[in-house]
Amino acid sequence: MEFNLLATDPHTNARAATLNTDHGVIETPIFMPVGTAASVKGVHQRELKNDINPDIILANTYHLYLRPGTAIIEKAKGLHRFMGWKRPILTDSGGYQVYSLSANRKIKEEGVKFKSHIDGSYHFFTPERAIEIQRSIGADIIMAFDVLEDGFSNGRIFFDGNILSQTREGLFDGLKMHSSGIIFATGPGGVLLLDSMGVHLGTIMPGKKTANCSFDKDEQYLYLTSTDVLARIKLN
């Protein structure tokens, strides 16, 4: 992989660059759709490729490891062929998902033992194992598993919802930024409202686990998706 810096803004830290990977060039800054379990929810593959047209999408190591499992993805000759996507893929380490399952995991110096939310089986992630899984499924960009006994080992986390997940159902999945600067992020309890510094302003609680959210073009309505319904909430 090759990183090329193209331009910088002298007044801010903003910059434009490209990342060259085996599956194509990524122009940054970039919008990265979330394909948690090797599929971007609610979007047809044709729409994803032709209409949204992203340079890269994200997949989730924790979820792919549990289902369908690395053996099936390897048999399909990698994640790109498994999901029918020829462009770059970034996989997260699974660290946040493991860390947020506070009632079903135990963090040790060597790694994290956790209980599957699917079948109750137990698994153990180490930093080495997380990298091994991401390499085996063929991700273009892989992330470090940086979890310590007292939480995460660096400051890259914008908002830590671990406390909320102890009392509310749901995991972080999708997010949208409103023109006002407020971030709408699906997570424990529903849709969290965060400011630009990651301060939790409040939560929209629809009574269901929420997967993704989006606005209409005039930002008058917030649309929410779950496993069985599409909801609409008037904002103004």
Protein backbone atom coordinates (compact mmCIF):
# COMPACT_ATOMS: atom_id res chain seq x y z
CA MET A 1 0.00 0.00 0.00
CA GLU A 2 1.25 3.48 -0.90
CA PHE A 3 0.18 6.82 0.59
CA ASN A 4 0.50 9.99 -1.50
CA LEU A 5 -0.12 13.44 -0.01
CA LEU A 6 -1.63 15.69 -2.69
CA ALA A 7 -2.53 18.93 -0.91
CA THR A 8 -2.80 20.53 2.54
CA ASP A 9 -4.74 23.49 3.90
CA PRO A 10 -2.35 26.06 5.46
CA HIS A 11 -5.01 27.20 7.95
CA THR A 12 -6.21 23.82 9.26
CA ASN A 13 -5.07 20.21 9.48
CA ALA A 14 -7.15 19.27 6.42
CA ARG A 15 -5.39 17.39 3.65
CA ALA A 16 -6.13 15.51 0.44
CA ALA A 17 -4.33 12.30 -0.41
CA THR A 18 -4.57 8.93 -2.13
CA LEU A 19 -4.04 5.40 -0.86
CA ASN A 20 -3.00 2.86 -3.47
CA THR A 21 -4.09 -0.70 -2.61
CA ASP A 22 -4.24 -4.04 -4.42
CA HIS A 23 -7.92 -3.45 -5.19
CA GLY A 24 -7.78 0.18 -6.28
CA VAL A 25 -7.02 3.77 -5.35
CA ILE A 26 -8.75 5.48 -2.41
CA GLU A 27 -9.08 9.25 -2.54
CA THR A 28 -9.16 10.86 0.90
CA PRO A 29 -11.05 12.26 2.67
CA ILE A 30 -13.56 9.52 1.91
CA PHE A 31 -17.05 8.41 2.92
CA MET A 32 -16.84 4.73 3.87
CA PRO A 33 -20.14 2.78 3.90
CA VAL A 34 -20.40 0.17 6.65
CA GLY A 35 -20.85 -3.42 5.47
CA THR A 36 -20.80 -5.00 8.93
CA ALA A 37 -21.43 -8.61 7.89
CA ALA A 38 -20.11 -8.33 4.32
CA SER A 39 -23.20 -6.42 3.16
CA VAL A 40 -24.26 -2.77 3.35
CA LYS A 41 -27.76 -2.99 4.82
CA GLY A 42 -30.68 -1.63 2.86
CA VAL A 43 -28.62 -1.00 -0.29
CA HIS A 44 -28.60 -3.17 -3.41
CA GLN A 45 -25.12 -4.08 -4.63
CA ARG A 46 -25.83 -2.29 -7.93
CA GLU A 47 -26.79 0.90 -6.06
CA LEU A 48 -23.72 0.64 -3.87
CA LYS A 49 -21.41 0.35 -6.86
CA ASN A 50 -23.05 2.75 -9.32
CA ASP A 51 -24.91 5.34 -7.24
CA ILE A 52 -23.03 5.64 -3.95
CA ASN A 53 -19.82 4.68 -5.76
CA PRO A 54 -17.43 4.58 -2.77
CA ASP A 55 -13.73 3.89 -3.15
CA ILE A 56 -13.80 1.64 -0.07
CA ILE A 57 -16.22 0.00 2.34
CA LEU A 58 -15.81 -1.29 5.89
CA ALA A 59 -16.48 -4.79 7.19
CA ASN A 60 -16.50 -6.02 10.79
CA THR A 61 -13.98 -8.64 11.93
CA TYR A 62 -15.93 -9.66 15.03
CA HIS A 63 -19.16 -10.35 13.13
CA LEU A 64 -17.45 -12.08 10.17
CA TYR A 65 -15.39 -14.25 12.50
CA LEU A 66 -18.52 -15.48 14.28
CA ARG A 67 -20.67 -15.79 11.16
CA PRO A 68 -20.07 -17.08 8.51
CA GLY A 69 -16.59 -17.77 9.91
CA THR A 70 -13.13 -17.45 8.41
CA ALA A 71 -13.15 -20.96 6.91
CA ILE A 72 -16.09 -20.16 4.63
CA ILE A 73 -14.62 -16.81 3.57
CA GLU A 74 -11.26 -18.44 2.84
CA LYS A 75 -13.04 -21.15 0.80
CA ALA A 76 -14.64 -18.36 -1.24
CA LYS A 77 -11.08 -17.08 -1.88
CA GLY A 78 -11.40 -14.03 0.30
CA LEU A 79 -13.85 -11.40 1.43
CA HIS A 80 -13.93 -9.57 -1.93
CA ARG A 81 -15.24 -12.60 -3.79
CA PHE A 82 -17.47 -13.64 -0.91
CA MET A 83 -19.36 -10.34 -1.02
CA GLY A 84 -18.95 -9.58 -4.72
CA TRP A 85 -16.94 -6.39 -4.19
CA LYS A 86 -13.86 -5.65 -6.31
CA ARG A 87 -12.78 -2.41 -4.64
CA PRO A 88 -10.81 -1.91 -1.38
CA ILE A 89 -12.14 -3.14 1.96
CA LEU A 90 -11.13 -2.01 5.46
CA THR A 91 -11.78 -4.34 8.38
CA ASP A 92 -11.87 -3.13 11.96
CA SER A 93 -10.20 -5.28 14.59
CA GLY A 94 -13.32 -6.34 16.46
CA GLY A 95 -11.93 -4.61 19.53
CA TYR A 96 -14.81 -2.28 20.14
CA GLN A 97 -17.44 -4.99 19.73
CA VAL A 98 -15.60 -7.24 22.17
CA TYR A 99 -15.02 -4.40 24.63
CA SER A 100 -18.64 -3.24 24.53
CA LEU A 101 -19.96 -6.70 25.46
CA SER A 102 -19.26 -5.94 29.09
CA ALA A 103 -21.47 -8.72 30.45
CA ASN A 104 -20.01 -11.35 28.12
CA ARG A 105 -16.27 -10.75 28.08
CA LYS A 106 -13.23 -10.74 30.33
CA ILE A 107 -10.18 -8.65 29.46
CA LYS A 108 -6.78 -10.06 30.40
CA GLU A 109 -3.25 -8.94 29.67
CA GLU A 110 -2.98 -11.55 26.88
CA GLY A 111 -6.27 -10.71 25.19
CA VAL A 112 -10.05 -10.85 25.57
CA LYS A 113 -12.24 -13.88 26.23
CA PHE A 114 -15.78 -13.25 25.04
CA LYS A 115 -19.08 -15.03 24.60
CA SER A 116 -20.72 -15.11 21.18
CA HIS A 117 -23.99 -13.20 20.98
CA ILE A 118 -25.13 -15.78 18.41
CA ASP A 119 -24.75 -19.19 20.06
CA GLY A 120 -23.13 -18.56 23.44
CA SER A 121 -19.81 -20.17 22.48
CA TYR A 122 -16.60 -18.75 23.96
CA HIS A 123 -13.70 -17.30 21.97
CA PHE A 124 -10.39 -15.59 22.68
CA PHE A 125 -8.97 -12.63 20.76
CA THR A 126 -5.36 -11.52 21.09
CA PRO A 127 -3.80 -8.69 19.06
CA GLU A 128 -2.02 -11.31 16.97
CA ARG A 129 -5.19 -13.34 16.41
CA ALA A 130 -7.17 -10.28 15.30
CA ILE A 131 -4.52 -9.42 12.71
CA GLU A 132 -4.37 -13.05 11.57
CA ILE A 133 -8.14 -13.13 10.98
CA GLN A 134 -8.09 -9.90 8.98
CA ARG A 135 -5.20 -11.13 6.85
CA SER A 136 -6.87 -14.49 6.22
CA ILE A 137 -10.06 -12.92 4.86
CA GLY A 138 -8.07 -10.62 2.57
CA ALA A 139 -8.75 -7.07 3.78
CA ASP A 140 -6.82 -4.27 2.09
CA ILE A 141 -6.54 -2.20 5.30
CA ILE A 142 -6.52 -3.89 8.71
CA MET A 143 -6.81 -2.34 12.16
CA ALA A 144 -4.93 -3.07 15.37
CA PHE A 145 -6.64 -4.82 18.28
CA ASP A 146 -5.66 -2.28 20.92
CA VAL A 147 -7.65 -3.21 24.01
CA LEU A 148 -6.11 -3.11 27.50
CA GLU A 149 -7.50 -4.34 30.81
CA ASP A 150 -8.84 -0.85 31.57
CA GLY A 151 -10.15 -0.18 28.07
CA PHE A 152 -8.59 1.10 24.85
CA SER A 153 -4.89 1.88 24.63
CA ASN A 154 -5.12 5.09 22.63
CA GLY A 155 -7.20 8.19 22.08
CA ARG A 156 -8.64 7.36 18.67
CA ILE A 157 -12.05 6.64 20.21
CA PHE A 158 -14.43 9.52 19.54
CA PHE A 159 -17.08 8.32 21.99
CA ASP A 160 -17.03 5.28 24.30
CA GLY A 161 -20.52 3.90 24.76
CA ASN A 162 -19.52 1.00 26.99
CA ILE A 163 -21.39 2.37 29.99
CA LEU A 164 -24.58 2.78 27.95
CA SER A 165 -24.31 -0.79 26.62
CA GLN A 166 -24.48 -2.12 30.16
CA THR A 167 -28.09 -0.98 30.54
CA ARG A 168 -29.35 -0.59 26.96
CA GLU A 169 -29.53 -2.98 24.03
CA GLY A 170 -27.85 -2.34 20.68
CA LEU A 171 -24.38 -1.81 19.24
CA PHE A 172 -22.92 1.09 17.27
CA ASP A 173 -23.47 0.68 13.54
CA GLY A 174 -24.32 3.68 11.33
CA LEU A 175 -24.07 7.43 11.69
CA LYS A 176 -24.91 10.66 9.90
CA MET A 177 -23.77 14.24 10.52
CA HIS A 178 -26.45 16.94 10.43
CA SER A 179 -25.64 20.30 8.82
CA SER A 180 -25.81 21.78 12.33
CA GLY A 181 -22.77 19.70 13.25
CA ILE A 182 -24.68 17.27 15.48
CA ILE A 183 -23.81 13.62 14.87
CA PHE A 184 -26.61 11.06 14.84
CA ALA A 185 -25.17 7.61 15.66
CA THR A 186 -27.12 4.39 16.10
CA GLY A 187 -26.05 2.62 19.28
CA PRO A 188 -27.22 1.37 22.68
CA GLY A 189 -30.85 2.40 23.20
CA GLY A 190 -31.46 3.91 19.75
CA VAL A 191 -29.88 6.95 18.10
CA LEU A 192 -27.32 8.92 20.08
CA LEU A 193 -26.83 12.65 19.49
CA LEU A 194 -23.21 13.76 19.84
CA ASP A 195 -21.53 17.10 19.37
CA SER A 196 -18.28 17.66 17.46
CA MET A 197 -16.24 16.83 20.57
CA GLY A 198 -17.98 13.51 21.20
CA VAL A 199 -20.14 14.80 24.06
CA HIS A 200 -23.38 12.83 24.43
CA LEU A 201 -26.27 15.31 24.10
CA GLY A 202 -29.12 12.84 24.31
CA THR A 203 -30.68 9.72 22.77
CA ILE A 204 -33.67 9.14 20.51
CA MET A 205 -35.15 5.91 21.88
CA PRO A 206 -37.51 4.29 19.33
CA GLY A 207 -37.99 1.11 21.40
CA LYS A 208 -36.13 -1.12 18.94
CA LYS A 209 -32.54 -1.95 18.17
CA THR A 210 -31.55 0.47 15.41
CA ALA A 211 -29.10 -0.42 12.66
CA ASN A 212 -28.75 2.70 10.51
CA CYS A 213 -30.01 6.23 10.13
CA SER A 214 -30.24 8.87 7.41
CA PHE A 215 -31.84 12.23 6.62
CA ASP A 216 -34.03 13.36 3.74
CA LYS A 217 -32.50 16.00 1.47
CA ASP A 218 -33.97 18.90 3.49
CA GLU A 219 -33.05 17.34 6.86
CA GLN A 220 -36.64 17.56 8.04
CA TYR A 221 -36.93 13.84 8.72
CA LEU A 222 -34.68 11.23 10.30
CA TYR A 223 -35.06 7.70 8.90
CA LEU A 224 -34.19 4.69 11.07
CA THR A 225 -33.79 1.04 10.05
CA SER A 226 -34.05 -2.06 12.23
CA THR A 227 -34.48 -5.75 11.47
CA ASP A 228 -38.18 -5.45 10.61
CA VAL A 229 -39.20 -1.81 10.20
CA LEU A 230 -38.20 1.48 8.56
CA ALA A 231 -39.20 4.40 10.81
CA ARG A 232 -39.40 8.14 10.16
CA ILE A 233 -39.08 10.90 12.77
CA LYS A 234 -39.80 14.57 12.05
CA LEU A 235 -36.93 16.79 13.21
CA ASN A 236 -38.30 20.27 12.50
